[in-house]
PDB file of all heavy atoms in Angstrom:
ATOM      1  N   PHE A   1       0.825  -1.242  -0.015  1.00  0.00           N
ATOM      2  CA  PHE A   1      -0.029   0.026  -0.007  1.00  0.00           C
ATOM      3  C   PHE A   1       0.903   1.297   0.042  1.00  0.00           C
ATOM      4  O   PHE A   1       0.289   2.382   0.019  1.00  0.00           O
ATOM      5  CB  PHE A   1      -0.973   0.073   1.191  1.00  0.00           C
ATOM      6  CG  PHE A   1      -1.937  -1.121   1.258  1.00  0.00           C
ATOM      7  CD1 PHE A   1      -1.691  -2.159   2.161  1.00  0.00           C
ATOM      8  CD2 PHE A   1      -3.012  -1.263   0.438  1.00  0.00           C
ATOM      9  CE1 PHE A   1      -2.482  -3.293   2.229  1.00  0.00           C
ATOM     10  CE2 PHE A   1      -3.851  -2.393   0.476  1.00  0.00           C
ATOM     11  CZ  PHE A   1      -3.561  -3.378   1.376  1.00  0.00           C
ATOM     12  N   THR A   2       2.180   1.163   0.015  1.00  0.00           N
ATOM     13  CA  THR A   2       2.968   2.397   0.113  1.00  0.00           C
ATOM     14  C   THR A   2       4.060   2.515  -0.960  1.00  0.00           C
ATOM     15  O   THR A   2       4.931   3.332  -0.800  1.00  0.00           O
ATOM     16  CB  THR A   2       3.729   2.408   1.486  1.00  0.00           C
ATOM     17  OG1 THR A   2       4.587   1.299   1.607  1.00  0.00           O
ATOM     18  CG2 THR A   2       2.738   2.351   2.661  1.00  0.00           C
ATOM     19  N   HIS A   3       4.034   1.648  -2.009  1.00  0.00           N
ATOM     20  CA  HIS A   3       5.062   1.654  -2.997  1.00  0.00           C
ATOM     21  C   HIS A   3       5.235   3.021  -3.668  1.00  0.00           C
ATOM     22  O   HIS A   3       4.230   3.705  -3.943  1.00  0.00           O
ATOM     23  CB  HIS A   3       4.761   0.578  -4.031  1.00  0.00           C
ATOM     24  CG  HIS A   3       5.948   0.239  -4.873  1.00  0.00           C
ATOM     25  ND1 HIS A   3       6.421   1.016  -5.983  1.00  0.00           N
ATOM     26  CD2 HIS A   3       6.928  -0.776  -4.713  1.00  0.00           C
ATOM     27  CE1 HIS A   3       7.457   0.468  -6.481  1.00  0.00           C
ATOM     28  NE2 HIS A   3       7.824  -0.633  -5.798  1.00  0.00           N
ATOM     29  N   GLN A   4       6.435   3.398  -3.871  1.00  0.00           N
ATOM     30  CA  GLN A   4       6.750   4.741  -4.484  1.00  0.00           C
ATOM     31  C   GLN A   4       6.179   5.019  -5.867  1.00  0.00           C
ATOM     32  O   GLN A   4       5.917   6.119  -6.217  1.00  0.00           O
ATOM     33  CB  GLN A   4       8.260   4.984  -4.501  1.00  0.00           C
ATOM     34  CG  GLN A   4       9.031   4.089  -5.469  1.00  0.00           C
ATOM     35  CD  GLN A   4       9.526   2.808  -4.836  1.00  0.00           C
ATOM     36  OE1 GLN A   4       9.031   2.450  -3.759  1.00  0.00           O
ATOM     37  NE2 GLN A   4      10.469   2.158  -5.454  1.00  0.00           N
ATOM     38  N   HIS A   5       5.863   3.936  -6.600  1.00  0.00           N
ATOM     39  CA  HIS A   5       5.250   4.176  -7.942  1.00  0.00           C
ATOM     40  C   HIS A   5       3.790   4.544  -7.854  1.00  0.00           C
ATOM     41  O   HIS A   5       3.257   4.944  -8.907  1.00  0.00           O
ATOM     42  CB  HIS A   5       5.404   2.871  -8.781  1.00  0.00           C
ATOM     43  CG  HIS A   5       6.799   2.629  -9.205  1.00  0.00           C
ATOM     44  ND1 HIS A   5       7.156   1.550  -9.968  1.00  0.00           N
ATOM     45  CD2 HIS A   5       7.991   3.288  -8.912  1.00  0.00           C
ATOM     46  CE1 HIS A   5       8.458   1.560 -10.147  1.00  0.00           C
ATOM     47  NE2 HIS A   5       8.979   2.602  -9.497  1.00  0.00           N
ATOM     48  N   LEU A   6       3.147   4.487  -6.784  1.00  0.00           N
ATOM     49  CA  LEU A   6       1.688   4.817  -6.676  1.00  0.00           C
ATOM     50  C   LEU A   6       1.484   6.320  -6.974  1.00  0.00           C
ATOM     51  O   LEU A   6       0.483   6.605  -7.706  1.00  0.00           O
ATOM     52  CB  LEU A   6       1.250   4.548  -5.235  1.00  0.00           C
ATOM     53  CG  LEU A   6       0.869   3.109  -4.872  1.00  0.00           C
ATOM     54  CD1 LEU A   6       0.616   2.937  -3.410  1.00  0.00           C
ATOM     55  CD2 LEU A   6      -0.333   2.614  -5.723  1.00  0.00           C
ATOM     56  N   ALA A   7       2.407   7.186  -6.680  1.00  0.00           N
ATOM     57  CA  ALA A   7       2.237   8.605  -6.938  1.00  0.00           C
ATOM     58  C   ALA A   7       2.181   8.866  -8.464  1.00  0.00           C
ATOM     59  O   ALA A   7       1.334   9.570  -8.924  1.00  0.00           O
ATOM     60  CB  ALA A   7       3.374   9.376  -6.254  1.00  0.00           C
ATOM     61  N   GLU A   8       3.060   8.240  -9.250  1.00  0.00           N
ATOM     62  CA  GLU A   8       3.030   8.545 -10.651  1.00  0.00           C
ATOM     63  C   GLU A   8       1.825   7.833 -11.349  1.00  0.00           C
ATOM     64  O   GLU A   8       1.252   8.366 -12.317  1.00  0.00           O
ATOM     65  CB  GLU A   8       4.335   8.146 -11.315  1.00  0.00           C
ATOM     66  CG  GLU A   8       4.703   6.662 -11.186  1.00  0.00           C
ATOM     67  CD  GLU A   8       6.067   6.344 -11.808  1.00  0.00           C
ATOM     68  OE1 GLU A   8       6.185   6.256 -13.040  1.00  0.00           O
ATOM     69  OE2 GLU A   8       7.039   6.243 -11.014  1.00  0.00           O
ATOM     70  N   ILE A   9       1.437   6.632 -10.822  1.00  0.00           N
ATOM     71  CA  ILE A   9       0.215   6.017 -11.348  1.00  0.00           C
ATOM     72  C   ILE A   9      -1.010   6.905 -11.150  1.00  0.00           C
ATOM     73  O   ILE A   9      -1.752   7.169 -12.124  1.00  0.00           O
ATOM     74  CB  ILE A   9       0.034   4.698 -10.695  1.00  0.00           C
ATOM     75  CG1 ILE A   9       1.086   3.691 -11.005  1.00  0.00           C
ATOM     76  CG2 ILE A   9      -1.373   4.074 -11.061  1.00  0.00           C
ATOM     77  CD1 ILE A   9       1.147   2.450 -10.112  1.00  0.00           C
ATOM     78  N   ARG A  10      -1.130   7.443  -9.973  1.00  0.00           N
ATOM     79  CA  ARG A  10      -2.271   8.307  -9.696  1.00  0.00           C
ATOM     80  C   ARG A  10      -2.227   9.577 -10.513  1.00  0.00           C
ATOM     81  O   ARG A  10      -3.222  10.006 -11.066  1.00  0.00           O
ATOM     82  CB  ARG A  10      -2.418   8.648  -8.155  1.00  0.00           C
ATOM     83  CG  ARG A  10      -3.560   9.524  -7.833  1.00  0.00           C
ATOM     84  CD  ARG A  10      -3.786   9.605  -6.344  1.00  0.00           C
ATOM     85  NE  ARG A  10      -4.210   8.450  -5.798  1.00  0.00           N
ATOM     86  CZ  ARG A  10      -5.533   7.969  -5.866  1.00  0.00           C
ATOM     87  NH1 ARG A  10      -6.417   8.619  -6.453  1.00  0.00           N
ATOM     88  NH2 ARG A  10      -5.761   6.816  -5.277  1.00  0.00           N
ATOM     89  N   ARG A  11      -1.080  10.229 -10.690  1.00  0.00           N
ATOM     90  CA  ARG A  11      -1.013  11.420 -11.500  1.00  0.00           C
ATOM     91  C   ARG A  11      -1.557  11.123 -12.951  1.00  0.00           C
ATOM     92  O   ARG A  11      -2.243  11.972 -13.508  1.00  0.00           O
ATOM     93  CB  ARG A  11       0.417  11.926 -11.535  1.00  0.00           C
ATOM     94  CG  ARG A  11       0.798  12.799 -10.313  1.00  0.00           C
ATOM     95  CD  ARG A  11       2.127  13.540 -10.658  1.00  0.00           C
ATOM     96  NE  ARG A  11       3.301  12.563 -10.820  1.00  0.00           N
ATOM     97  CZ  ARG A  11       4.047  12.175  -9.806  1.00  0.00           C
ATOM     98  NH1 ARG A  11       3.857  12.529  -8.603  1.00  0.00           N
ATOM     99  NH2 ARG A  11       5.074  11.345 -10.096  1.00  0.00           N
ATOM    100  N   THR A  12      -1.112  10.078 -13.527  1.00  0.00           N
ATOM    101  CA  THR A  12      -1.518   9.763 -14.880  1.00  0.00           C
ATOM    102  C   THR A  12      -3.065   9.484 -14.935  1.00  0.00           C
ATOM    103  O   THR A  12      -3.732  10.002 -15.872  1.00  0.00           O
ATOM    104  CB  THR A  12      -0.824   8.471 -15.398  1.00  0.00           C
ATOM    105  OG1 THR A  12       0.550   8.791 -15.444  1.00  0.00           O
ATOM    106  CG2 THR A  12      -1.216   8.170 -16.831  1.00  0.00           C
ATOM    107  N   LEU A  13      -3.513   8.737 -14.026  1.00  0.00           N
ATOM    108  CA  LEU A  13      -4.964   8.384 -13.979  1.00  0.00           C
ATOM    109  C   LEU A  13      -5.853   9.648 -13.823  1.00  0.00           C
ATOM    110  O   LEU A  13      -6.915   9.813 -14.485  1.00  0.00           O
ATOM    111  CB  LEU A  13      -5.243   7.348 -12.997  1.00  0.00           C
ATOM    112  CG  LEU A  13      -4.614   5.968 -13.161  1.00  0.00           C
ATOM    113  CD1 LEU A  13      -5.021   5.019 -12.002  1.00  0.00           C
ATOM    114  CD2 LEU A  13      -4.967   5.389 -14.485  1.00  0.00           C
ATOM    115  N   VAL A  14      -5.428  10.508 -12.914  1.00  0.00           N
ATOM    116  CA  VAL A  14      -6.151  11.730 -12.652  1.00  0.00           C
ATOM    117  C   VAL A  14      -6.163  12.669 -13.861  1.00  0.00           C
ATOM    118  O   VAL A  14      -7.075  13.389 -14.149  1.00  0.00           O
ATOM    119  CB  VAL A  14      -5.657  12.462 -11.367  1.00  0.00           C
ATOM    120  CG1 VAL A  14      -6.266  13.771 -11.244  1.00  0.00           C
ATOM    121  CG2 VAL A  14      -6.009  11.544 -10.171  1.00  0.00           C
ATOM    122  N   ALA A  15      -4.966  12.722 -14.547  1.00  0.00           N
ATOM    123  CA  ALA A  15      -4.911  13.527 -15.781  1.00  0.00           C
ATOM    124  C   ALA A  15      -5.871  13.089 -16.848  1.00  0.00           C
ATOM    125  O   ALA A  15      -6.449  13.948 -17.546  1.00  0.00           O
ATOM    126  CB  ALA A  15      -3.445  13.507 -16.306  1.00  0.00           C
ATOM    127  N   LEU A  16      -6.135  11.778 -16.859  1.00  0.00           N
ATOM    128  CA  LEU A  16      -7.058  11.234 -17.873  1.00  0.00           C
ATOM    129  C   LEU A  16      -8.469  11.329 -17.352  1.00  0.00           C
ATOM    130  O   LEU A  16      -9.349  11.507 -18.178  1.00  0.00           O
ATOM    131  CB  LEU A  16      -6.815   9.791 -18.148  1.00  0.00           C
ATOM    132  CG  LEU A  16      -5.480   9.517 -18.922  1.00  0.00           C
ATOM    133  CD1 LEU A  16      -5.201   8.026 -19.077  1.00  0.00           C
ATOM    134  CD2 LEU A  16      -5.590  10.099 -20.415  1.00  0.00           C
ATOM    135  N   GLN A  17      -8.736  11.166 -16.043  1.00  0.00           N
ATOM    136  CA  GLN A  17     -10.011  11.182 -15.401  1.00  0.00           C
ATOM    137  C   GLN A  17      -9.930  12.005 -14.136  1.00  0.00           C
ATOM    138  O   GLN A  17      -9.667  11.513 -13.050  1.00  0.00           O
ATOM    139  CB  GLN A  17     -10.440   9.660 -15.077  1.00  0.00           C
ATOM    140  CG  GLN A  17     -11.847   9.710 -14.568  1.00  0.00           C
ATOM    141  CD  GLN A  17     -12.329   8.283 -14.166  1.00  0.00           C
ATOM    142  OE1 GLN A  17     -11.940   7.274 -14.799  1.00  0.00           O
ATOM    143  NE2 GLN A  17     -13.091   8.106 -13.124  1.00  0.00           N
ATOM    144  N   PRO A  18     -10.188  13.314 -14.310  1.00  0.00           N
ATOM    145  CA  PRO A  18     -10.001  14.210 -13.197  1.00  0.00           C
ATOM    146  C   PRO A  18     -10.799  13.918 -11.929  1.00  0.00           C
ATOM    147  O   PRO A  18     -10.403  14.299 -10.826  1.00  0.00           O
ATOM    148  CB  PRO A  18     -10.351  15.582 -13.732  1.00  0.00           C
ATOM    149  CG  PRO A  18     -10.116  15.447 -15.228  1.00  0.00           C
ATOM    150  CD  PRO A  18     -10.455  14.065 -15.526  1.00  0.00           C
ATOM    151  N   ASP A  19     -11.968  13.178 -12.090  1.00  0.00           N
ATOM    152  CA  ASP A  19     -12.742  12.908 -10.881  1.00  0.00           C
ATOM    153  C   ASP A  19     -12.365  11.597 -10.255  1.00  0.00           C
ATOM    154  O   ASP A  19     -13.098  11.110  -9.298  1.00  0.00           O
ATOM    155  CB  ASP A  19     -14.223  12.894 -11.295  1.00  0.00           C
ATOM    156  CG  ASP A  19     -14.600  11.745 -12.271  1.00  0.00           C
ATOM    157  OD1 ASP A  19     -13.672  11.101 -12.755  1.00  0.00           O
ATOM    158  OD2 ASP A  19     -15.817  11.566 -12.501  1.00  0.00           O
ATOM    159  N   PHE A  20     -11.258  11.021 -10.577  1.00  0.00           N
ATOM    160  CA  PHE A  20     -10.846   9.737 -10.001  1.00  0.00           C
ATOM    161  C   PHE A  20     -10.249  10.049  -8.622  1.00  0.00           C
ATOM    162  O   PHE A  20      -9.168  10.723  -8.496  1.00  0.00           O
ATOM    163  CB  PHE A  20      -9.812   9.001 -10.884  1.00  0.00           C
ATOM    164  CG  PHE A  20      -9.221   7.789 -10.221  1.00  0.00           C
ATOM    165  CD1 PHE A  20     -10.043   6.680  -9.971  1.00  0.00           C
ATOM    166  CD2 PHE A  20      -7.906   7.715  -9.859  1.00  0.00           C
ATOM    167  CE1 PHE A  20      -9.611   5.536  -9.314  1.00  0.00           C
ATOM    168  CE2 PHE A  20      -7.428   6.573  -9.240  1.00  0.00           C
ATOM    169  CZ  PHE A  20      -8.263   5.476  -8.937  1.00  0.00           C
ATOM    170  N   THR A  21     -10.920   9.538  -7.567  1.00  0.00           N
ATOM    171  CA  THR A  21     -10.427   9.784  -6.206  1.00  0.00           C
ATOM    172  C   THR A  21     -10.359   8.459  -5.355  1.00  0.00           C
ATOM    173  O   THR A  21     -10.014   8.504  -4.213  1.00  0.00           O
ATOM    174  CB  THR A  21     -11.332  10.774  -5.460  1.00  0.00           C
ATOM    175  OG1 THR A  21     -12.710  10.270  -5.497  1.00  0.00           O
ATOM    176  CG2 THR A  21     -11.351  12.152  -6.130  1.00  0.00           C
ATOM    177  N   ALA A  22     -10.668   7.351  -5.979  1.00  0.00           N
ATOM    178  CA  ALA A  22     -10.712   6.070  -5.281  1.00  0.00           C
ATOM    179  C   ALA A  22      -9.305   5.691  -4.977  1.00  0.00           C
ATOM    180  O   ALA A  22      -8.310   6.173  -5.453  1.00  0.00           O
ATOM    181  CB  ALA A  22     -11.426   5.024  -6.173  1.00  0.00           C
ATOM    182  N   ASP A  23      -9.205   4.652  -4.070  1.00  0.00           N
ATOM    183  CA  ASP A  23      -7.940   4.101  -3.627  1.00  0.00           C
ATOM    184  C   ASP A  23      -7.376   3.179  -4.703  1.00  0.00           C
ATOM    185  O   ASP A  23      -8.057   2.515  -5.400  1.00  0.00           O
ATOM    186  CB  ASP A  23      -8.109   3.348  -2.319  1.00  0.00           C
ATOM    187  CG  ASP A  23      -8.382   4.246  -1.130  1.00  0.00           C
ATOM    188  OD1 ASP A  23      -7.997   5.450  -1.090  1.00  0.00           O
ATOM    189  OD2 ASP A  23      -8.980   3.770  -0.162  1.00  0.00           O
ATOM    190  N   ILE A  24      -6.049   3.122  -4.696  1.00  0.00           N
ATOM    191  CA  ILE A  24      -5.250   2.186  -5.477  1.00  0.00           C
ATOM    192  C   ILE A  24      -4.625   1.293  -4.441  1.00  0.00           C
ATOM    193  O   ILE A  24      -3.625   1.684  -3.882  1.00  0.00           O
ATOM    194  CB  ILE A  24      -4.299   2.733  -6.434  1.00  0.00           C
ATOM    195  CG1 ILE A  24      -4.956   3.819  -7.311  1.00  0.00           C
ATOM    196  CG2 ILE A  24      -3.587   1.691  -7.258  1.00  0.00           C
ATOM    197  CD1 ILE A  24      -3.981   4.634  -8.161  1.00  0.00           C
ATOM    198  N   ASN A  25      -5.116   0.119  -4.269  1.00  0.00           N
ATOM    199  CA  ASN A  25      -4.609  -0.805  -3.262  1.00  0.00           C
ATOM    200  C   ASN A  25      -3.564  -1.767  -3.905  1.00  0.00           C
ATOM    201  O   ASN A  25      -3.959  -2.723  -4.582  1.00  0.00           O
ATOM    202  CB  ASN A  25      -5.691  -1.634  -2.576  1.00  0.00           C
ATOM    203  CG  ASN A  25      -6.744  -0.710  -1.939  1.00  0.00           C
ATOM    204  OD1 ASN A  25      -6.401   0.139  -1.201  1.00  0.00           O
ATOM    205  ND2 ASN A  25      -7.993  -0.891  -2.313  1.00  0.00           N
ATOM    206  N   PHE A  26      -2.270  -1.489  -3.708  1.00  0.00           N
ATOM    207  CA  PHE A  26      -1.209  -2.192  -4.391  1.00  0.00           C
ATOM    208  C   PHE A  26      -0.384  -3.020  -3.466  1.00  0.00           C
ATOM    209  O   PHE A  26       0.176  -2.522  -2.540  1.00  0.00           O
ATOM    210  CB  PHE A  26      -0.350  -1.093  -5.131  1.00  0.00           C
ATOM    211  CG  PHE A  26       0.895  -1.666  -5.821  1.00  0.00           C
ATOM    212  CD1 PHE A  26       0.850  -2.912  -6.374  1.00  0.00           C
ATOM    213  CD2 PHE A  26       2.009  -0.896  -5.992  1.00  0.00           C
ATOM    214  CE1 PHE A  26       1.997  -3.419  -7.066  1.00  0.00           C
ATOM    215  CE2 PHE A  26       3.129  -1.299  -6.616  1.00  0.00           C
ATOM    216  CZ  PHE A  26       3.125  -2.613  -7.131  1.00  0.00           C
ATOM    217  N   ILE A  27      -0.343  -4.320  -3.808  1.00  0.00           N
ATOM    218  CA  ILE A  27       0.502  -5.251  -3.011  1.00  0.00           C
ATOM    219  C   ILE A  27       1.604  -5.771  -3.981  1.00  0.00           C
ATOM    220  O   ILE A  27       1.431  -6.585  -4.848  1.00  0.00           O
ATOM    221  CB  ILE A  27      -0.326  -6.546  -2.628  1.00  0.00           C
ATOM    222  CG1 ILE A  27      -1.580  -6.118  -1.819  1.00  0.00           C
ATOM    223  CG2 ILE A  27       0.573  -7.409  -1.712  1.00  0.00           C
ATOM    224  CD1 ILE A  27      -1.308  -5.377  -0.523  1.00  0.00           C
ATOM    225  N   PRO A  28       2.821  -5.196  -3.824  1.00  0.00           N
ATOM    226  CA  PRO A  28       3.995  -5.738  -4.596  1.00  0.00           C
ATOM    227  C   PRO A  28       4.477  -6.982  -3.968  1.00  0.00           C
ATOM    228  O   PRO A  28       4.633  -7.188  -2.757  1.00  0.00           O
ATOM    229  CB  PRO A  28       4.983  -4.624  -4.432  1.00  0.00           C
ATOM    230  CG  PRO A  28       4.355  -3.485  -3.674  1.00  0.00           C
ATOM    231  CD  PRO A  28       3.207  -4.106  -2.925  1.00  0.00           C
ATOM    232  N   VAL A  29       4.948  -7.904  -4.879  1.00  0.00           N
ATOM    233  CA  VAL A  29       5.436  -9.159  -4.462  1.00  0.00           C
ATOM    234  C   VAL A  29       6.830  -9.448  -5.078  1.00  0.00           C
ATOM    235  O   VAL A  29       6.944  -9.270  -6.334  1.00  0.00           O
ATOM    236  CB  VAL A  29       4.534 -10.298  -4.831  1.00  0.00           C
ATOM    237  CG1 VAL A  29       5.016 -11.664  -4.357  1.00  0.00           C
ATOM    238  CG2 VAL A  29       3.097 -10.059  -4.297  1.00  0.00           C
ATOM    239  N   ARG A  30       7.741  -9.882  -4.292  1.00  0.00           N
ATOM    240  CA  ARG A  30       9.048 -10.331  -4.778  1.00  0.00           C
ATOM    241  C   ARG A  30       8.932 -11.732  -5.368  1.00  0.00           C
ATOM    242  O   ARG A  30       8.553 -12.599  -4.636  1.00  0.00           O
ATOM    243  CB  ARG A  30      10.131 -10.334  -3.694  1.00  0.00           C
ATOM    244  CG  ARG A  30      10.427  -8.996  -3.031  1.00  0.00           C
ATOM    245  CD  ARG A  30      11.518  -9.211  -2.029  1.00  0.00           C
ATOM    246  NE  ARG A  30      11.884  -7.986  -1.239  1.00  0.00           N
ATOM    247  CZ  ARG A  30      11.354  -7.686  -0.064  1.00  0.00           C
ATOM    248  NH1 ARG A  30      10.510  -8.526   0.502  1.00  0.00           N
ATOM    249  NH2 ARG A  30      11.687  -6.555   0.551  1.00  0.00           N
ATOM    250  N   GLY A  31       9.231 -11.928  -6.636  1.00  0.00           N
ATOM    251  CA  GLY A  31       9.220 -13.264  -7.250  1.00  0.00           C
ATOM    252  C   GLY A  31      10.573 -13.973  -7.151  1.00  0.00           C
ATOM    253  O   GLY A  31      11.562 -13.315  -6.899  1.00  0.00           O
ATOM    254  N   ASP A  32      10.536 -15.264  -7.483  1.00  0.00           N
ATOM    255  CA  ASP A  32      11.716 -16.080  -7.402  1.00  0.00           C
ATOM    256  C   ASP A  32      12.299 -16.277  -8.817  1.00  0.00           C
ATOM    257  O   ASP A  32      12.812 -17.350  -9.141  1.00  0.00           O
ATOM    258  CB  ASP A  32      11.452 -17.331  -6.691  1.00  0.00           C
ATOM    259  CG  ASP A  32      10.472 -18.248  -7.470  1.00  0.00           C
ATOM    260  OD1 ASP A  32       9.694 -17.696  -8.335  1.00  0.00           O
ATOM    261  OD2 ASP A  32      10.394 -19.446  -7.217  1.00  0.00           O
ATOM    262  N   PHE A  33      12.248 -15.259  -9.642  1.00  0.00           N
ATOM    263  CA  PHE A  33      12.741 -15.251 -10.983  1.00  0.00           C
ATOM    264  C   PHE A  33      13.524 -14.005 -11.190  1.00  0.00           C
ATOM    265  O   PHE A  33      13.377 -13.034 -10.481  1.00  0.00           O
ATOM    266  CB  PHE A  33      11.660 -15.443 -12.038  1.00  0.00           C
ATOM    267  CG  PHE A  33      10.496 -14.488 -11.813  1.00  0.00           C
ATOM    268  CD1 PHE A  33      10.473 -13.213 -12.423  1.00  0.00           C
ATOM    269  CD2 PHE A  33       9.435 -14.852 -11.109  1.00  0.00           C
ATOM    270  CE1 PHE A  33       9.409 -12.350 -12.246  1.00  0.00           C
ATOM    271  CE2 PHE A  33       8.369 -13.944 -10.833  1.00  0.00           C
ATOM    272  CZ  PHE A  33       8.349 -12.723 -11.425  1.00  0.00           C
ATOM    273  N   ALA A  34      14.318 -13.926 -12.253  1.00  0.00           N
ATOM    274  CA  ALA A  34      15.177 -12.778 -12.505  1.00  0.00           C
ATOM    275  C   ALA A  34      14.559 -11.566 -13.098  1.00  0.00           C
ATOM    276  O   ALA A  34      14.778 -10.469 -12.682  1.00  0.00           O
ATOM    277  CB  ALA A  34      16.376 -13.217 -13.326  1.00  0.00           C
ATOM    278  N   ARG A  35      13.632 -11.740 -14.130  1.00  0.00           N
ATOM    279  CA  ARG A  35      13.122 -10.599 -14.781  1.00  0.00           C
ATOM    280  C   ARG A  35      11.685 -10.865 -15.193  1.00  0.00           C
ATOM    281  O   ARG A  35      11.313 -11.959 -15.518  1.00  0.00           O
ATOM    282  CB  ARG A  35      14.009 -10.289 -16.015  1.00  0.00           C
ATOM    283  CG  ARG A  35      14.136 -11.373 -17.016  1.00  0.00           C
ATOM    284  CD  ARG A  35      15.321 -11.023 -17.980  1.00  0.00           C
ATOM    285  NE  ARG A  35      15.125  -9.790 -18.707  1.00  0.00           N
ATOM    286  CZ  ARG A  35      16.134  -9.133 -19.309  1.00  0.00           C
ATOM    287  NH1 ARG A  35      17.335  -9.604 -19.300  1.00  0.00           N
ATOM    288  NH2 ARG A  35      15.884  -8.056 -20.020  1.00  0.00           N
ATOM    289  N   GLY A  36      10.934  -9.746 -15.336  1.00  0.00           N
ATOM    290  CA  GLY A  36       9.557  -9.757 -15.640  1.00  0.00           C
ATOM    291  C   GLY A  36       8.672  -9.204 -14.515  1.00  0.00           C
ATOM    292  O   GLY A  36       9.053  -9.157 -13.383  1.00  0.00           O
ATOM    293  N   ILE A  37       7.499  -8.668 -14.903  1.00  0.00           N
ATOM    294  CA  ILE A  37       6.492  -8.171 -14.016  1.00  0.00           C
ATOM    295  C   ILE A  37       5.155  -8.767 -14.529  1.00  0.00           C
ATOM    296  O   ILE A  37       4.815  -8.721 -15.713  1.00  0.00           O
ATOM    297  CB  ILE A  37       6.407  -6.677 -13.939  1.00  0.00           C
ATOM    298  CG1 ILE A  37       7.623  -6.131 -13.144  1.00  0.00           C
ATOM    299  CG2 ILE A  37       5.080  -6.243 -13.269  1.00  0.00           C
ATOM    300  CD1 ILE A  37       7.593  -4.633 -13.026  1.00  0.00           C
ATOM    301  N   PHE A  38       4.434  -9.343 -13.615  1.00  0.00           N
ATOM    302  CA  PHE A  38       3.108  -9.882 -13.856  1.00  0.00           C
ATOM    303  C   PHE A  38       2.111  -9.248 -12.962  1.00  0.00           C
ATOM    304  O   PHE A  38       2.154  -9.459 -11.747  1.00  0.00           O
ATOM    305  CB  PHE A  38       3.083 -11.437 -13.667  1.00  0.00           C
ATOM    306  CG  PHE A  38       1.902 -12.118 -14.300  1.00  0.00           C
ATOM    307  CD1 PHE A  38       1.874 -12.391 -15.644  1.00  0.00           C
ATOM    308  CD2 PHE A  38       0.883 -12.595 -13.455  1.00  0.00           C
ATOM    309  CE1 PHE A  38       0.766 -13.086 -16.186  1.00  0.00           C
ATOM    310  CE2 PHE A  38      -0.216 -13.210 -14.049  1.00  0.00           C
ATOM    311  CZ  PHE A  38      -0.215 -13.511 -15.383  1.00  0.00           C
TER     312      PHE A  38
END
């Protein structure tokens, strides 16, 4: 819920949809592989 990328995600979404005020509930997970994001 505190990842640093949340700020830029919200800025982009609000720029597209100015009335967006809902929460973005983000759970980042460390995977056991070298590269990729799912």
